[in-house]
Amino acid sequence: MQIQPIHTEYDYQKALDRIEEIFDAKPGSEEGDELEILGILVNEFENRHFPIEAPNPVDAIKFRMDQLGMEQKDLSKLLGSKSRASEILSGKRSLSLRHIKLLYKKLGIPAEVLIQESEPA
């Protein structure tokens, strides 16, 4: 198959179909190289046409808490008070720079996600 740029949905689907055909190709083989190049082209097309927005800060905090098995009381200890944790999780209070630093350092939530504006509750 001759590799071509992906400009349309049709091109995109054709590339996905070909990837499925050669998915188990041996790395370094002709088909393996084709698979690698098609993967790059598909990824670029998806990034341009189907961008994934970062989660809002509150959703990111809740998701990370769930991953770590944390409860609101655990977040309260980290942030200093029950009411502060409750207000942040309900969207009634914005994150301060101190909160952002704590959540980044202690929970590993990317700072760029935490500094976004949350939608008002």
PDB file of N, CA and C in Angstrom:
ATOM      1  N   MET A   1       0.851  -1.190   0.000  1.00  0.00           N
ATOM      2  CA  MET A   1       0.000   0.000   0.000  1.00  0.00           C
ATOM      3  C   MET A   1       0.889   1.243   0.000  1.00  0.00           C
ATOM      4  N   GLN A   2       0.503   2.201  -0.776  1.00  0.00           N
ATOM      5  CA  GLN A   2       1.218   3.468  -0.795  1.00  0.00           C
ATOM      6  C   GLN A   2       0.621   4.356   0.293  1.00  0.00           C
ATOM      7  N   ILE A   3       1.464   4.860   1.186  1.00  0.00           N
ATOM      8  CA  ILE A   3       0.995   5.702   2.287  1.00  0.00           C
ATOM      9  C   ILE A   3       0.760   7.104   1.763  1.00  0.00           C
ATOM     10  N   GLN A   4      -0.406   7.656   2.139  1.00  0.00           N
ATOM     11  CA  GLN A   4      -0.783   8.998   1.710  1.00  0.00           C
ATOM     12  C   GLN A   4      -1.258   9.796   2.910  1.00  0.00           C
ATOM     13  N   PRO A   5      -1.195  11.128   2.811  1.00  0.00           N
ATOM     14  CA  PRO A   5      -1.712  11.954   3.914  1.00  0.00           C
ATOM     15  C   PRO A   5      -3.197  11.670   4.156  1.00  0.00           C
ATOM     16  N   ILE A   6      -3.625  11.941   5.368  1.00  0.00           N
ATOM     17  CA  ILE A   6      -5.031  11.761   5.735  1.00  0.00           C
ATOM     18  C   ILE A   6      -5.686  13.142   5.739  1.00  0.00           C
ATOM     19  N   HIS A   7      -6.566  13.364   4.747  1.00  0.00           N
ATOM     20  CA  HIS A   7      -7.227  14.664   4.615  1.00  0.00           C
ATOM     21  C   HIS A   7      -8.717  14.604   4.959  1.00  0.00           C
ATOM     22  N   THR A   8      -9.323  13.447   4.781  1.00  0.00           N
ATOM     23  CA  THR A   8     -10.774  13.336   4.930  1.00  0.00           C
ATOM     24  C   THR A   8     -11.131  12.188   5.872  1.00  0.00           C
ATOM     25  N   GLU A   9     -12.396  12.143   6.236  1.00  0.00           N
ATOM     26  CA  GLU A   9     -12.896  11.027   7.053  1.00  0.00           C
ATOM     27  C   GLU A   9     -12.705   9.702   6.313  1.00  0.00           C
ATOM     28  N   TYR A  10     -12.883   9.736   5.007  1.00  0.00           N
ATOM     29  CA  TYR A  10     -12.694   8.523   4.203  1.00  0.00           C
ATOM     30  C   TYR A  10     -11.237   8.051   4.300  1.00  0.00           C
ATOM     31  N   ASP A  11     -10.286   8.993   4.128  1.00  0.00           N
ATOM     32  CA  ASP A  11      -8.859   8.653   4.249  1.00  0.00           C
ATOM     33  C   ASP A  11      -8.568   8.083   5.634  1.00  0.00           C
ATOM     34  N   TYR A  12      -9.169   8.705   6.637  1.00  0.00           N
ATOM     35  CA  TYR A  12      -8.980   8.292   8.026  1.00  0.00           C
ATOM     36  C   TYR A  12      -9.464   6.860   8.232  1.00  0.00           C
ATOM     37  N   GLN A  13     -10.652   6.559   7.740  1.00  0.00           N
ATOM     38  CA  GLN A  13     -11.216   5.212   7.902  1.00  0.00           C
ATOM     39  C   GLN A  13     -10.385   4.185   7.135  1.00  0.00           C
ATOM     40  N   LYS A  14      -9.920   4.572   5.955  1.00  0.00           N
ATOM     41  CA  LYS A  14      -9.072   3.685   5.165  1.00  0.00           C
ATOM     42  C   LYS A  14      -7.782   3.357   5.921  1.00  0.00           C
ATOM     43  N   ALA A  15      -7.192   4.367   6.554  1.00  0.00           N
ATOM     44  CA  ALA A  15      -5.964   4.153   7.330  1.00  0.00           C
ATOM     45  C   ALA A  15      -6.234   3.242   8.529  1.00  0.00           C
ATOM     46  N   LEU A  16      -7.363   3.457   9.210  1.00  0.00           N
ATOM     47  CA  LEU A  16      -7.714   2.601  10.353  1.00  0.00           C
ATOM     48  C   LEU A  16      -7.911   1.154   9.918  1.00  0.00           C
ATOM     49  N   ASP A  17      -8.559   0.969   8.775  1.00  0.00           N
ATOM     50  CA  ASP A  17      -8.773  -0.389   8.259  1.00  0.00           C
ATOM     51  C   ASP A  17      -7.430  -1.063   7.965  1.00  0.00           C
ATOM     52  N   ARG A  18      -6.513  -0.306   7.385  1.00  0.00           N
ATOM     53  CA  ARG A  18      -5.198  -0.873   7.060  1.00  0.00           C
ATOM     54  C   ARG A  18      -4.417  -1.189   8.337  1.00  0.00           C
ATOM     55  N   ILE A  19      -4.512  -0.316   9.315  1.00  0.00           N
ATOM     56  CA  ILE A  19      -3.845  -0.570  10.597  1.00  0.00           C
ATOM     57  C   ILE A  19      -4.355  -1.873  11.199  1.00  0.00           C
ATOM     58  N   GLU A  20      -5.651  -2.089  11.105  1.00  0.00           N
ATOM     59  CA  GLU A  20      -6.233  -3.325  11.635  1.00  0.00           C
ATOM     60  C   GLU A  20      -5.682  -4.546  10.895  1.00  0.00           C
ATOM     61  N   GLU A  21      -5.503  -4.422   9.592  1.00  0.00           N
ATOM     62  CA  GLU A  21      -4.981  -5.524   8.778  1.00  0.00           C
ATOM     63  C   GLU A  21      -3.552  -5.905   9.165  1.00  0.00           C
ATOM     64  N   ILE A  22      -2.731  -4.895   9.455  1.00  0.00           N
ATOM     65  CA  ILE A  22      -1.304  -5.154   9.685  1.00  0.00           C
ATOM     66  C   ILE A  22      -0.898  -4.957  11.142  1.00  0.00           C
ATOM     67  N   PHE A  23      -1.861  -4.976  12.032  1.00  0.00           N
ATOM     68  CA  PHE A  23      -1.625  -4.667  13.443  1.00  0.00           C
ATOM     69  C   PHE A  23      -0.526  -5.507  14.084  1.00  0.00           C
ATOM     70  N   ASP A  24      -0.408  -6.748  13.694  1.00  0.00           N
ATOM     71  CA  ASP A  24       0.580  -7.645  14.300  1.00  0.00           C
ATOM     72  C   ASP A  24       1.886  -7.714  13.515  1.00  0.00           C
ATOM     73  N   ALA A  25       2.123  -6.732  12.651  1.00  0.00           N
ATOM     74  CA  ALA A  25       3.343  -6.731  11.841  1.00  0.00           C
ATOM     75  C   ALA A  25       4.577  -6.654  12.731  1.00  0.00           C
ATOM     76  N   LYS A  26       5.618  -7.308  12.298  1.00  0.00           N
ATOM     77  CA  LYS A  26       6.881  -7.339  13.042  1.00  0.00           C
ATOM     78  C   LYS A  26       7.576  -5.975  12.912  1.00  0.00           C
ATOM     79  N   PRO A  27       7.974  -5.371  14.044  1.00  0.00           N
ATOM     80  CA  PRO A  27       8.698  -4.095  13.983  1.00  0.00           C
ATOM     81  C   PRO A  27       9.949  -4.222  13.098  1.00  0.00           C
ATOM     82  N   GLY A  28      10.168  -3.196  12.284  1.00  0.00           N
ATOM     83  CA  GLY A  28      11.324  -3.208  11.405  1.00  0.00           C
ATOM     84  C   GLY A  28      11.065  -3.828  10.045  1.00  0.00           C
ATOM     85  N   SER A  29       9.944  -4.546   9.925  1.00  0.00           N
ATOM     86  CA  SER A  29       9.590  -5.116   8.622  1.00  0.00           C
ATOM     87  C   SER A  29       8.923  -4.018   7.786  1.00  0.00           C
ATOM     88  N   GLU A  30       8.701  -4.313   6.515  1.00  0.00           N
ATOM     89  CA  GLU A  30       8.044  -3.329   5.641  1.00  0.00           C
ATOM     90  C   GLU A  30       6.656  -2.968   6.193  1.00  0.00           C
ATOM     91  N   GLU A  31       5.897  -3.982   6.580  1.00  0.00           N
ATOM     92  CA  GLU A  31       4.572  -3.719   7.154  1.00  0.00           C
ATOM     93  C   GLU A  31       4.672  -3.058   8.529  1.00  0.00           C
ATOM     94  N   GLY A  32       5.708  -3.411   9.287  1.00  0.00           N
ATOM     95  CA  GLY A  32       5.917  -2.777  10.587  1.00  0.00           C
ATOM     96  C   GLY A  32       6.173  -1.289  10.439  1.00  0.00           C
ATOM     97  N   ASP A  33       6.982  -0.922   9.430  1.00  0.00           N
ATOM     98  CA  ASP A  33       7.249   0.493   9.159  1.00  0.00           C
ATOM     99  C   ASP A  33       5.976   1.201   8.699  1.00  0.00           C
ATOM    100  N   GLU A  34       5.213   0.525   7.853  1.00  0.00           N
ATOM    101  CA  GLU A  34       3.940   1.084   7.380  1.00  0.00           C
ATOM    102  C   GLU A  34       3.002   1.331   8.568  1.00  0.00           C
ATOM    103  N   LEU A  35       2.933   0.370   9.470  1.00  0.00           N
ATOM    104  CA  LEU A  35       2.089   0.495  10.654  1.00  0.00           C
ATOM    105  C   LEU A  35       2.504   1.703  11.494  1.00  0.00           C
ATOM    106  N   GLU A  36       3.799   1.864  11.683  1.00  0.00           N
ATOM    107  CA  GLU A  36       4.310   2.987  12.478  1.00  0.00           C
ATOM    108  C   GLU A  36       3.951   4.331  11.835  1.00  0.00           C
ATOM    109  N   ILE A  37       4.137   4.440  10.533  1.00  0.00           N
ATOM    110  CA  ILE A  37       3.837   5.691   9.824  1.00  0.00           C
ATOM    111  C   ILE A  37       2.333   5.972   9.837  1.00  0.00           C
ATOM    112  N   LEU A  38       1.527   4.956   9.585  1.00  0.00           N
ATOM    113  CA  LEU A  38       0.075   5.148   9.626  1.00  0.00           C
ATOM    114  C   LEU A  38      -0.378   5.567  11.016  1.00  0.00           C
ATOM    115  N   GLY A  39       0.228   4.997  12.048  1.00  0.00           N
ATOM    116  CA  GLY A  39      -0.111   5.382  13.417  1.00  0.00           C
ATOM    117  C   GLY A  39       0.146   6.857  13.665  1.00  0.00           C
ATOM    118  N   ILE A  40       1.266   7.352  13.171  1.00  0.00           N
ATOM    119  CA  ILE A  40       1.601   8.766  13.318  1.00  0.00           C
ATOM    120  C   ILE A  40       0.584   9.634  12.568  1.00  0.00           C
ATOM    121  N   LEU A  41       0.269   9.256  11.345  1.00  0.00           N
ATOM    122  CA  LEU A  41      -0.700  10.030  10.553  1.00  0.00           C
ATOM    123  C   LEU A  41      -2.085  10.037  11.191  1.00  0.00           C
ATOM    124  N   VAL A  42      -2.523   8.890  11.671  1.00  0.00           N
ATOM    125  CA  VAL A  42      -3.843   8.803  12.327  1.00  0.00           C
ATOM    126  C   VAL A  42      -3.851   9.645  13.596  1.00  0.00           C
ATOM    127  N   ASN A  43      -2.795   9.570  14.374  1.00  0.00           N
ATOM    128  CA  ASN A  43      -2.708  10.354  15.602  1.00  0.00           C
ATOM    129  C   ASN A  43      -2.794  11.851  15.300  1.00  0.00           C
ATOM    130  N   GLU A  44      -2.082  12.296  14.301  1.00  0.00           N
ATOM    131  CA  GLU A  44      -2.103  13.712  13.909  1.00  0.00           C
ATOM    132  C   GLU A  44      -3.504  14.125  13.460  1.00  0.00           C
ATOM    133  N   PHE A  45      -4.154  13.302  12.647  1.00  0.00           N
ATOM    134  CA  PHE A  45      -5.513  13.599  12.184  1.00  0.00           C
ATOM    135  C   PHE A  45      -6.473  13.690  13.372  1.00  0.00           C
ATOM    136  N   GLU A  46      -6.363  12.741  14.301  1.00  0.00           N
ATOM    137  CA  GLU A  46      -7.244  12.746  15.478  1.00  0.00           C
ATOM    138  C   GLU A  46      -6.999  13.962  16.359  1.00  0.00           C
ATOM    139  N   ASN A  47      -5.759  14.351  16.525  1.00  0.00           N
ATOM    140  CA  ASN A  47      -5.461  15.533  17.340  1.00  0.00           C
ATOM    141  C   ASN A  47      -6.054  16.797  16.729  1.00  0.00           C
ATOM    142  N   ARG A  48      -6.047  16.893  15.404  1.00  0.00           N
ATOM    143  CA  ARG A  48      -6.609  18.071  14.729  1.00  0.00           C
ATOM    144  C   ARG A  48      -8.130  18.060  14.710  1.00  0.00           C
ATOM    145  N   HIS A  49      -8.724  16.901  14.504  1.00  0.00           N
ATOM    146  CA  HIS A  49     -10.167  16.829  14.289  1.00  0.00           C
ATOM    147  C   HIS A  49     -10.979  16.380  15.493  1.00  0.00           C
ATOM    148  N   PHE A  50     -10.355  15.728  16.445  1.00  0.00           N
ATOM    149  CA  PHE A  50     -11.058  15.247  17.637  1.00  0.00           C
ATOM    150  C   PHE A  50     -10.268  15.594  18.891  1.00  0.00           C
ATOM    151  N   PRO A  51      -9.979  16.884  19.114  1.00  0.00           N
ATOM    152  CA  PRO A  51      -9.160  17.232  20.281  1.00  0.00           C
ATOM    153  C   PRO A  51      -9.852  16.867  21.587  1.00  0.00           C
ATOM    154  N   ILE A  52      -9.056  16.472  22.554  1.00  0.00           N
ATOM    155  CA  ILE A  52      -9.587  16.125  23.871  1.00  0.00           C
ATOM    156  C   ILE A  52      -9.239  17.265  24.814  1.00  0.00           C
ATOM    157  N   GLU A  53     -10.267  17.889  25.339  1.00  0.00           N
ATOM    158  CA  GLU A  53     -10.047  18.989  26.263  1.00  0.00           C
ATOM    159  C   GLU A  53      -9.670  18.454  27.637  1.00  0.00           C
ATOM    160  N   ALA A  54      -8.865  19.237  28.324  1.00  0.00           N
ATOM    161  CA  ALA A  54      -8.486  18.866  29.688  1.00  0.00           C
ATOM    162  C   ALA A  54      -9.732  18.929  30.578  1.00  0.00           C
ATOM    163  N   PRO A  55      -9.807  18.065  31.581  1.00  0.00           N
ATOM    164  CA  PRO A  55     -10.957  18.104  32.491  1.00  0.00           C
ATOM    165  C   PRO A  55     -10.936  19.386  33.310  1.00  0.00           C
ATOM    166  N   ASN A  56     -12.115  19.782  33.803  1.00  0.00           N
ATOM    167  CA  ASN A  56     -12.097  20.956  34.672  1.00  0.00           C
ATOM    168  C   ASN A  56     -11.437  20.557  35.989  1.00  0.00           C
ATOM    169  N   PRO A  57     -10.941  21.531  36.744  1.00  0.00           N
ATOM    170  CA  PRO A  57     -10.180  21.220  37.958  1.00  0.00           C
ATOM    171  C   PRO A  57     -10.927  20.343  38.968  1.00  0.00           C
ATOM    172  N   VAL A  58     -12.202  20.619  39.181  1.00  0.00           N
ATOM    173  CA  VAL A  58     -12.963  19.850  40.164  1.00  0.00           C
ATOM    174  C   VAL A  58     -13.091  18.393  39.725  1.00  0.00           C
ATOM    175  N   ASP A  59     -13.392  18.185  38.451  1.00  0.00           N
ATOM    176  CA  ASP A  59     -13.480  16.809  37.949  1.00  0.00           C
ATOM    177  C   ASP A  59     -12.142  16.087  38.063  1.00  0.00           C
ATOM    178  N   ALA A  60     -11.056  16.810  37.798  1.00  0.00           N
ATOM    179  CA  ALA A  60      -9.718  16.215  37.905  1.00  0.00           C
ATOM    180  C   ALA A  60      -9.416  15.813  39.352  1.00  0.00           C
ATOM    181  N   ILE A  61      -9.798  16.658  40.292  1.00  0.00           N
ATOM    182  CA  ILE A  61      -9.568  16.353  41.712  1.00  0.00           C
ATOM    183  C   ILE A  61     -10.383  15.126  42.117  1.00  0.00           C
ATOM    184  N   LYS A  62     -11.652  15.110  41.732  1.00  0.00           N
ATOM    185  CA  LYS A  62     -12.513  13.976  42.087  1.00  0.00           C
ATOM    186  C   LYS A  62     -11.999  12.679  41.462  1.00  0.00           C
ATOM    187  N   PHE A  63     -11.569  12.759  40.207  1.00  0.00           N
ATOM    188  CA  PHE A  63     -11.050  11.582  39.524  1.00  0.00           C
ATOM    189  C   PHE A  63      -9.808  11.048  40.237  1.00  0.00           C
ATOM    190  N   ARG A  64      -8.892  11.950  40.579  1.00  0.00           N
ATOM    191  CA  ARG A  64      -7.657  11.535  41.243  1.00  0.00           C
ATOM    192  C   ARG A  64      -7.937  10.977  42.635  1.00  0.00           C
ATOM    193  N   MET A  65      -8.876  11.606  43.337  1.00  0.00           N
ATOM    194  CA  MET A  65      -9.257  11.089  44.654  1.00  0.00           C
ATOM    195  C   MET A  65      -9.785   9.666  44.519  1.00  0.00           C
ATOM    196  N   ASP A  66     -10.613   9.436  43.515  1.00  0.00           N
ATOM    197  CA  ASP A  66     -11.169   8.102  43.284  1.00  0.00           C
ATOM    198  C   ASP A  66     -10.047   7.108  42.978  1.00  0.00           C
ATOM    199  N   GLN A  67      -9.101   7.512  42.136  1.00  0.00           N
ATOM    200  CA  GLN A  67      -7.973   6.631  41.807  1.00  0.00           C
ATOM    201  C   GLN A  67      -7.184   6.243  43.048  1.00  0.00           C
ATOM    202  N   LEU A  68      -7.041   7.200  43.971  1.00  0.00           N
ATOM    203  CA  LEU A  68      -6.236   6.967  45.176  1.00  0.00           C
ATOM    204  C   LEU A  68      -7.045   6.405  46.341  1.00  0.00           C
ATOM    205  N   GLY A  69      -8.356   6.223  46.133  1.00  0.00           N
ATOM    206  CA  GLY A  69      -9.205   5.718  47.206  1.00  0.00           C
ATOM    207  C   GLY A  69      -9.415   6.742  48.318  1.00  0.00           C
ATOM    208  N   MET A  70      -9.322   8.005  47.963  1.00  0.00           N
ATOM    209  CA  MET A  70      -9.480   9.072  48.951  1.00  0.00           C
ATOM    210  C   MET A  70     -10.942   9.449  49.124  1.00  0.00           C
ATOM    211  N   GLU A  71     -11.251   9.952  50.297  1.00  0.00           N
ATOM    212  CA  GLU A  71     -12.576  10.484  50.579  1.00  0.00           C
ATOM    213  C   GLU A  71     -12.437  11.981  50.835  1.00  0.00           C
ATOM    214  N   GLN A  72     -13.568  12.651  50.959  1.00  0.00           N
ATOM    215  CA  GLN A  72     -13.543  14.092  51.173  1.00  0.00           C
ATOM    216  C   GLN A  72     -12.793  14.456  52.454  1.00  0.00           C
ATOM    217  N   LYS A  73     -12.891  13.616  53.470  1.00  0.00           N
ATOM    218  CA  LYS A  73     -12.187  13.899  54.721  1.00  0.00           C
ATOM    219  C   LYS A  73     -10.676  13.916  54.512  1.00  0.00           C
ATOM    220  N   ASP A  74     -10.177  13.060  53.576  1.00  0.00           N
ATOM    221  CA  ASP A  74      -8.747  13.043  53.274  1.00  0.00           C
ATOM    222  C   ASP A  74      -8.328  14.341  52.583  1.00  0.00           C
ATOM    223  N   LEU A  75      -9.191  14.817  51.691  1.00  0.00           N
ATOM    224  CA  LEU A  75      -8.910  16.085  51.019  1.00  0.00           C
ATOM    225  C   LEU A  75      -8.967  17.236  52.023  1.00  0.00           C
ATOM    226  N   SER A  76      -9.886  17.141  52.977  1.00  0.00           N
ATOM    227  CA  SER A  76     -10.001  18.169  54.022  1.00  0.00           C
ATOM    228  C   SER A  76      -8.701  18.293  54.801  1.00  0.00           C
ATOM    229  N   LYS A  77      -8.108  17.170  55.134  1.00  0.00           N
ATOM    230  CA  LYS A  77      -6.828  17.187  55.860  1.00  0.00           C
ATOM    231  C   LYS A  77      -5.744  17.863  55.020  1.00  0.00           C
ATOM    232  N   LEU A  78      -5.737  17.571  53.747  1.00  0.00           N
ATOM    233  CA  LEU A  78      -4.737  18.138  52.845  1.00  0.00           C
ATOM    234  C   LEU A  78      -4.914  19.652  52.688  1.00  0.00           C
ATOM    235  N   LEU A  79      -6.168  20.092  52.563  1.00  0.00           N
ATOM    236  CA  LEU A  79      -6.433  21.509  52.313  1.00  0.00           C
ATOM    237  C   LEU A  79      -6.600  22.334  53.578  1.00  0.00           C
ATOM    238  N   GLY A  80      -6.749  21.677  54.707  1.00  0.00           N
ATOM    239  CA  GLY A  80      -6.794  22.414  55.972  1.00  0.00           C
ATOM    240  C   GLY A  80      -8.142  22.525  56.637  1.00  0.00           C
ATOM    241  N   SER A  81      -9.237  22.265  55.920  1.00  0.00           N
ATOM    242  CA  SER A  81     -10.545  22.316  56.593  1.00  0.00           C
ATOM    243  C   SER A  81     -11.610  21.582  55.777  1.00  0.00           C
ATOM    244  N   LYS A  82     -12.637  21.108  56.499  1.00  0.00           N
ATOM    245  CA  LYS A  82     -13.748  20.407  55.849  1.00  0.00           C
ATOM    246  C   LYS A  82     -14.517  21.335  54.927  1.00  0.00           C
ATOM    247  N   SER A  83     -14.765  22.564  55.424  1.00  0.00           N
ATOM    248  CA  SER A  83     -15.572  23.489  54.628  1.00  0.00           C
ATOM    249  C   SER A  83     -14.842  23.877  53.342  1.00  0.00           C
ATOM    250  N   ARG A  84     -13.539  24.074  53.410  1.00  0.00           N
ATOM    251  CA  ARG A  84     -12.773  24.443  52.214  1.00  0.00           C
ATOM    252  C   ARG A  84     -12.840  23.315  51.181  1.00  0.00           C
ATOM    253  N   ALA A  85     -12.650  22.084  51.606  1.00  0.00           N
ATOM    254  CA  ALA A  85     -12.721  20.941  50.683  1.00  0.00           C
ATOM    255  C   ALA A  85     -14.116  20.842  50.073  1.00  0.00           C
ATOM    256  N   SER A  86     -15.137  21.016  50.893  1.00  0.00           N
ATOM    257  CA  SER A  86     -16.512  20.947  50.417  1.00  0.00           C
ATOM    258  C   SER A  86     -16.803  22.045  49.390  1.00  0.00           C
ATOM    259  N   GLU A  87     -16.369  23.257  49.684  1.00  0.00           N
ATOM    260  CA  GLU A  87     -16.606  24.382  48.770  1.00  0.00           C
ATOM    261  C   GLU A  87     -15.877  24.180  47.439  1.00  0.00           C
ATOM    262  N   ILE A  88     -14.675  23.652  47.489  1.00  0.00           N
ATOM    263  CA  ILE A  88     -13.919  23.409  46.256  1.00  0.00           C
ATOM    264  C   ILE A  88     -14.582  22.307  45.437  1.00  0.00           C
ATOM    265  N   LEU A  89     -14.943  21.203  46.085  1.00  0.00           N
ATOM    266  CA  LEU A  89     -15.557  20.081  45.365  1.00  0.00           C
ATOM    267  C   LEU A  89     -16.931  20.422  44.808  1.00  0.00           C
ATOM    268  N   SER A  90     -17.623  21.363  45.435  1.00  0.00           N
ATOM    269  CA  SER A  90     -18.945  21.758  44.929  1.00  0.00           C
ATOM    270  C   SER A  90     -18.838  22.874  43.896  1.00  0.00           C
ATOM    271  N   GLY A  91     -17.629  23.408  43.707  1.00  0.00           N
ATOM    272  CA  GLY A  91     -17.433  24.474  42.728  1.00  0.00           C
ATOM    273  C   GLY A  91     -17.748  25.859  43.255  1.00  0.00           C
ATOM    274  N   LYS A  92     -17.994  25.971  44.559  1.00  0.00           N
ATOM    275  CA  LYS A  92     -18.332  27.273  45.147  1.00  0.00           C
ATOM    276  C   LYS A  92     -17.093  28.106  45.457  1.00  0.00           C
ATOM    277  N   ARG A  93     -15.941  27.464  45.512  1.00  0.00           N
ATOM    278  CA  ARG A  93     -14.693  28.169  45.819  1.00  0.00           C
ATOM    279  C   ARG A  93     -13.663  27.817  44.759  1.00  0.00           C
ATOM    280  N   SER A  94     -12.953  28.831  44.293  1.00  0.00           N
ATOM    281  CA  SER A  94     -11.862  28.607  43.333  1.00  0.00           C
ATOM    282  C   SER A  94     -10.626  28.124  44.077  1.00  0.00           C
ATOM    283  N   LEU A  95      -9.760  27.478  43.346  1.00  0.00           N
ATOM    284  CA  LEU A  95      -8.504  27.020  43.926  1.00  0.00           C
ATOM    285  C   LEU A  95      -7.543  28.201  44.066  1.00  0.00           C
ATOM    286  N   SER A  96      -6.918  28.286  45.210  1.00  0.00           N
ATOM    287  CA  SER A  96      -5.884  29.304  45.406  1.00  0.00           C
ATOM    288  C   SER A  96      -4.567  28.742  44.884  1.00  0.00           C
ATOM    289  N   LEU A  97      -3.572  29.589  44.766  1.00  0.00           N
ATOM    290  CA  LEU A  97      -2.251  29.131  44.347  1.00  0.00           C
ATOM    291  C   LEU A  97      -1.718  28.079  45.319  1.00  0.00           C
ATOM    292  N   ARG A  98      -1.971  28.265  46.590  1.00  0.00           N
ATOM    293  CA  ARG A  98      -1.550  27.297  47.614  1.00  0.00           C
ATOM    294  C   ARG A  98      -2.215  25.941  47.381  1.00  0.00           C
ATOM    295  N   HIS A  99      -3.526  25.958  47.086  1.00  0.00           N
ATOM    296  CA  HIS A  99      -4.249  24.707  46.821  1.00  0.00           C
ATOM    297  C   HIS A  99      -3.664  24.007  45.593  1.00  0.00           C
ATOM    298  N   ILE A 100      -3.424  24.798  44.540  1.00  0.00           N
ATOM    299  CA  ILE A 100      -2.892  24.228  43.301  1.00  0.00           C
ATOM    300  C   ILE A 100      -1.549  23.552  43.567  1.00  0.00           C
ATOM    301  N   LYS A 101      -0.686  24.220  44.304  1.00  0.00           N
ATOM    302  CA  LYS A 101       0.621  23.645  44.628  1.00  0.00           C
ATOM    303  C   LYS A 101       0.476  22.355  45.430  1.00  0.00           C
ATOM    304  N   LEU A 102      -0.410  22.367  46.424  1.00  0.00           N
ATOM    305  CA  LEU A 102      -0.621  21.170  47.246  1.00  0.00           C
ATOM    306  C   LEU A 102      -1.148  19.998  46.416  1.00  0.00           C
ATOM    307  N   LEU A 103      -2.156  20.270  45.595  1.00  0.00           N
ATOM    308  CA  LEU A 103      -2.764  19.212  44.796  1.00  0.00           C
ATOM    309  C   LEU A 103      -1.787  18.670  43.758  1.00  0.00           C
ATOM    310  N   TYR A 104      -0.952  19.540  43.239  1.00  0.00           N
ATOM    311  CA  TYR A 104       0.078  19.111  42.293  1.00  0.00           C
ATOM    312  C   TYR A 104       1.110  18.229  42.995  1.00  0.00           C
ATOM    313  N   LYS A 105       1.624  18.705  44.123  1.00  0.00           N
ATOM    314  CA  LYS A 105       2.684  17.976  44.825  1.00  0.00           C
ATOM    315  C   LYS A 105       2.185  16.697  45.488  1.00  0.00           C
ATOM    316  N   LYS A 106       1.037  16.762  46.149  1.00  0.00           N
ATOM    317  CA  LYS A 106       0.566  15.619  46.935  1.00  0.00           C
ATOM    318  C   LYS A 106      -0.240  14.600  46.127  1.00  0.00           C
ATOM    319  N   LEU A 107      -1.007  15.082  45.124  1.00  0.00           N
ATOM    320  CA  LEU A 107      -1.855  14.160  44.369  1.00  0.00           C
ATOM    321  C   LEU A 107      -1.373  13.944  42.936  1.00  0.00           C
ATOM    322  N   GLY A 108      -0.405  14.748  42.507  1.00  0.00           N
ATOM    323  CA  GLY A 108       0.131  14.574  41.159  1.00  0.00           C
ATOM    324  C   GLY A 108      -0.797  15.041  40.052  1.00  0.00           C
ATOM    325  N   ILE A 109      -1.704  15.962  40.360  1.00  0.00           N
ATOM    326  CA  ILE A 109      -2.600  16.500  39.332  1.00  0.00           C
ATOM    327  C   ILE A 109      -1.830  17.600  38.597  1.00  0.00           C
ATOM    328  N   PRO A 110      -1.755  17.534  37.279  1.00  0.00           N
ATOM    329  CA  PRO A 110      -0.999  18.542  36.537  1.00  0.00           C
ATOM    330  C   PRO A 110      -1.486  19.965  36.828  1.00  0.00           C
ATOM    331  N   ALA A 111      -0.539  20.859  37.044  1.00  0.00           N
ATOM    332  CA  ALA A 111      -0.872  22.252  37.372  1.00  0.00           C
ATOM    333  C   ALA A 111      -1.686  22.899  36.259  1.00  0.00           C
ATOM    334  N   GLU A 112      -1.397  22.570  34.998  1.00  0.00           N
ATOM    335  CA  GLU A 112      -2.147  23.187  33.896  1.00  0.00           C
ATOM    336  C   GLU A 112      -3.627  22.825  33.922  1.00  0.00           C
ATOM    337  N   VAL A 113      -3.961  21.693  34.504  1.00  0.00           N
ATOM    338  CA  VAL A 113      -5.370  21.309  34.659  1.00  0.00           C
ATOM    339  C   VAL A 113      -5.982  22.103  35.808  1.00  0.00           C
ATOM    340  N   LEU A 114      -5.234  22.269  36.885  1.00  0.00           N
ATOM    341  CA  LEU A 114      -5.755  22.946  38.082  1.00  0.00           C
ATOM    342  C   LEU A 114      -5.924  24.446  37.908  1.00  0.00           C
ATOM    343  N   ILE A 115      -5.163  25.073  37.027  1.00  0.00           N
ATOM    344  CA  ILE A 115      -5.257  26.536  36.900  1.00  0.00           C
ATOM    345  C   ILE A 115      -6.362  26.994  35.964  1.00  0.00           C
ATOM    346  N   GLN A 116      -7.029  26.063  35.295  1.00  0.00           N
ATOM    347  CA  GLN A 116      -8.163  26.417  34.439  1.00  0.00           C
ATOM    348  C   GLN A 116      -9.295  26.978  35.287  1.00  0.00           C
ATOM    349  N   GLU A 117     -10.110  27.784  34.656  1.00  0.00           N
ATOM    350  CA  GLU A 117     -11.299  28.290  35.331  1.00  0.00           C
ATOM    351  C   GLU A 117     -12.353  27.178  35.380  1.00  0.00           C
ATOM    352  N   SER A 118     -12.953  26.981  36.544  1.00  0.00           N
ATOM    353  CA  SER A 118     -14.054  26.036  36.674  1.00  0.00           C
ATOM    354  C   SER A 118     -15.342  26.722  36.265  1.00  0.00           C
ATOM    355  N   GLU A 119     -16.254  25.944  35.756  1.00  0.00           N
ATOM    356  CA  GLU A 119     -17.584  26.494  35.458  1.00  0.00           C
ATOM    357  C   GLU A 119     -18.274  26.770  36.779  1.00  0.00           C
ATOM    358  N   PRO A 120     -19.009  27.890  36.892  1.00  0.00           N
ATOM    359  CA  PRO A 120     -19.702  28.179  38.155  1.00  0.00           C
ATOM    360  C   PRO A 120     -20.744  27.107  38.472  1.00  0.00           C
ATOM    361  N   ALA A 121     -20.902  26.847  39.763  1.00  0.00           N
ATOM    362  CA  ALA A 121     -21.850  25.806  40.196  1.00  0.00           C
ATOM    363  C   ALA A 121     -23.268  26.316  40.129  1.00  0.00           C
TER     364      ALA A 121
END
